[in-house]
């Protein structure tokens, strides 16, 4: 039987907040990038475990934005609900 891969642990709440601030995002904006509400983002920064997949999505999104590859996509993404 094939073994299952272990999922990455959830990110530390302090890292979530520091990363968001590093990129200059509000909790509203950061949440919108991963289809979460501001309140949900607040709970992740307060200690509720953030799903590792959403954390990876946020980090990949930040990398893409830094590379200038997604301006049009994300400007549209932030203007429409999930």
C-alpha atoms as a PDB file:
ATOM      1  CA  UNK A   1       0.000   0.000   0.000  1.00  0.00           C
ATOM      2  CA  UNK A   2       1.431   3.417  -0.924  1.00  0.00           C
ATOM      3  CA  UNK A   3       2.282   5.681   1.973  1.00  0.00           C
ATOM      4  CA  UNK A   4       0.514   8.994   2.351  1.00  0.00           C
ATOM      5  CA  UNK A   5       2.467  12.188   2.253  1.00  0.00           C
ATOM      6  CA  UNK A   6       2.364  14.250   5.405  1.00  0.00           C
ATOM      7  CA  UNK A   7       0.765  17.639   5.062  1.00  0.00           C
ATOM      8  CA  UNK A   8       2.757  20.684   6.007  1.00  0.00           C
ATOM      9  CA  UNK A   9       1.949  22.006   9.460  1.00  0.00           C
ATOM     10  CA  UNK A  10      -0.130  25.170   9.687  1.00  0.00           C
ATOM     11  CA  UNK A  11       1.923  28.370   9.733  1.00  0.00           C
ATOM     12  CA  UNK A  12       2.626  30.119  13.005  1.00  0.00           C
ATOM     13  CA  UNK A  13       0.208  33.026  13.657  1.00  0.00           C
ATOM     14  CA  UNK A  14       3.095  35.478  14.099  1.00  0.00           C
ATOM     15  CA  UNK A  15       4.463  34.464  10.696  1.00  0.00           C
ATOM     16  CA  UNK A  16       1.051  34.952   9.079  1.00  0.00           C
ATOM     17  CA  UNK A  17       0.805  38.491  10.426  1.00  0.00           C
ATOM     18  CA  UNK A  18       4.433  39.407   9.698  1.00  0.00           C
ATOM     19  CA  UNK A  19       4.142  38.172   6.125  1.00  0.00           C
ATOM     20  CA  UNK A  20       0.914  40.082   5.536  1.00  0.00           C
ATOM     21  CA  UNK A  21       2.463  43.271   6.912  1.00  0.00           C
ATOM     22  CA  UNK A  22       5.616  42.731   4.859  1.00  0.00           C
ATOM     23  CA  UNK A  23       3.509  42.811   1.714  1.00  0.00           C
ATOM     24  CA  UNK A  24       1.482  45.788   2.933  1.00  0.00           C
ATOM     25  CA  UNK A  25      -1.867  44.033   2.918  1.00  0.00           C
ATOM     26  CA  UNK A  26      -4.844  44.657   5.130  1.00  0.00           C
ATOM     27  CA  UNK A  27      -6.576  41.626   6.575  1.00  0.00           C
ATOM     28  CA  UNK A  28      -9.387  42.258   4.076  1.00  0.00           C
ATOM     29  CA  UNK A  29      -7.028  42.143   1.103  1.00  0.00           C
ATOM     30  CA  UNK A  30      -5.059  39.145   2.342  1.00  0.00           C
ATOM     31  CA  UNK A  31      -8.276  37.244   2.977  1.00  0.00           C
ATOM     32  CA  UNK A  32      -9.674  38.104  -0.446  1.00  0.00           C
ATOM     33  CA  UNK A  33      -6.580  36.671  -2.105  1.00  0.00           C
ATOM     34  CA  UNK A  34      -7.368  33.247  -0.622  1.00  0.00           C
ATOM     35  CA  UNK A  35     -11.199  33.543  -0.644  1.00  0.00           C
ATOM     36  CA  UNK A  36     -11.470  34.185   3.089  1.00  0.00           C
ATOM     37  CA  UNK A  37     -13.112  36.970   5.036  1.00  0.00           C
ATOM     38  CA  UNK A  38     -11.322  39.549   7.142  1.00  0.00           C
ATOM     39  CA  UNK A  39     -12.710  37.851  10.248  1.00  0.00           C
ATOM     40  CA  UNK A  40     -11.301  34.489   9.175  1.00  0.00           C
ATOM     41  CA  UNK A  41      -7.893  36.057   8.538  1.00  0.00           C
ATOM     42  CA  UNK A  42      -8.062  37.642  11.993  1.00  0.00           C
ATOM     43  CA  UNK A  43      -8.678  34.242  13.580  1.00  0.00           C
ATOM     44  CA  UNK A  44      -5.632  32.808  11.795  1.00  0.00           C
ATOM     45  CA  UNK A  45      -3.483  35.633  13.139  1.00  0.00           C
ATOM     46  CA  UNK A  46      -4.969  35.025  16.597  1.00  0.00           C
ATOM     47  CA  UNK A  47      -4.062  31.333  16.644  1.00  0.00           C
ATOM     48  CA  UNK A  48      -6.713  29.327  14.811  1.00  0.00           C
ATOM     49  CA  UNK A  49      -4.762  27.001  12.504  1.00  0.00           C
ATOM     50  CA  UNK A  50      -4.684  28.284   8.923  1.00  0.00           C
ATOM     51  CA  UNK A  51      -5.100  25.530   6.327  1.00  0.00           C
ATOM     52  CA  UNK A  52      -1.603  24.900   4.911  1.00  0.00           C
ATOM     53  CA  UNK A  53      -2.955  24.937   1.350  1.00  0.00           C
ATOM     54  CA  UNK A  54      -4.302  28.462   1.785  1.00  0.00           C
ATOM     55  CA  UNK A  55      -0.996  29.587   3.278  1.00  0.00           C
ATOM     56  CA  UNK A  56       0.835  28.158   0.270  1.00  0.00           C
ATOM     57  CA  UNK A  57      -1.666  29.876  -2.045  1.00  0.00           C
ATOM     58  CA  UNK A  58      -1.025  33.207  -0.316  1.00  0.00           C
ATOM     59  CA  UNK A  59       2.755  32.796  -0.600  1.00  0.00           C
ATOM     60  CA  UNK A  60       2.571  31.782  -4.262  1.00  0.00           C
ATOM     61  CA  UNK A  61       0.302  34.735  -4.949  1.00  0.00           C
ATOM     62  CA  UNK A  62       2.803  37.097  -3.343  1.00  0.00           C
ATOM     63  CA  UNK A  63       5.610  35.635  -5.434  1.00  0.00           C
ATOM     64  CA  UNK A  64       3.586  36.041  -8.626  1.00  0.00           C
ATOM     65  CA  UNK A  65       2.753  39.638  -7.740  1.00  0.00           C
ATOM     66  CA  UNK A  66       6.415  40.379  -7.020  1.00  0.00           C
ATOM     67  CA  UNK A  67       7.310  38.996 -10.428  1.00  0.00           C
ATOM     68  CA  UNK A  68       4.659  41.191 -12.038  1.00  0.00           C
ATOM     69  CA  UNK A  69       2.971  38.193 -13.605  1.00  0.00           C
ATOM     70  CA  UNK A  70      -0.528  38.637 -12.315  1.00  0.00           C
ATOM     71  CA  UNK A  71      -1.535  42.288 -12.053  1.00  0.00           C
ATOM     72  CA  UNK A  72      -4.532  41.919 -14.355  1.00  0.00           C
ATOM     73  CA  UNK A  73      -5.669  38.649 -12.772  1.00  0.00           C
ATOM     74  CA  UNK A  74      -5.503  39.904  -9.197  1.00  0.00           C
ATOM     75  CA  UNK A  75      -7.056  43.275  -9.869  1.00  0.00           C
ATOM     76  CA  UNK A  76     -10.020  41.342 -11.288  1.00  0.00           C
ATOM     77  CA  UNK A  77      -9.872  38.730  -8.504  1.00  0.00           C
ATOM     78  CA  UNK A  78     -10.096  41.342  -5.761  1.00  0.00           C
ATOM     79  CA  UNK A  79     -13.087  43.019  -7.390  1.00  0.00           C
ATOM     80  CA  UNK A  80     -15.250  39.885  -7.589  1.00  0.00           C
ATOM     81  CA  UNK A  81     -16.451  37.692  -4.708  1.00  0.00           C
ATOM     82  CA  UNK A  82     -15.151  34.142  -4.373  1.00  0.00           C
END
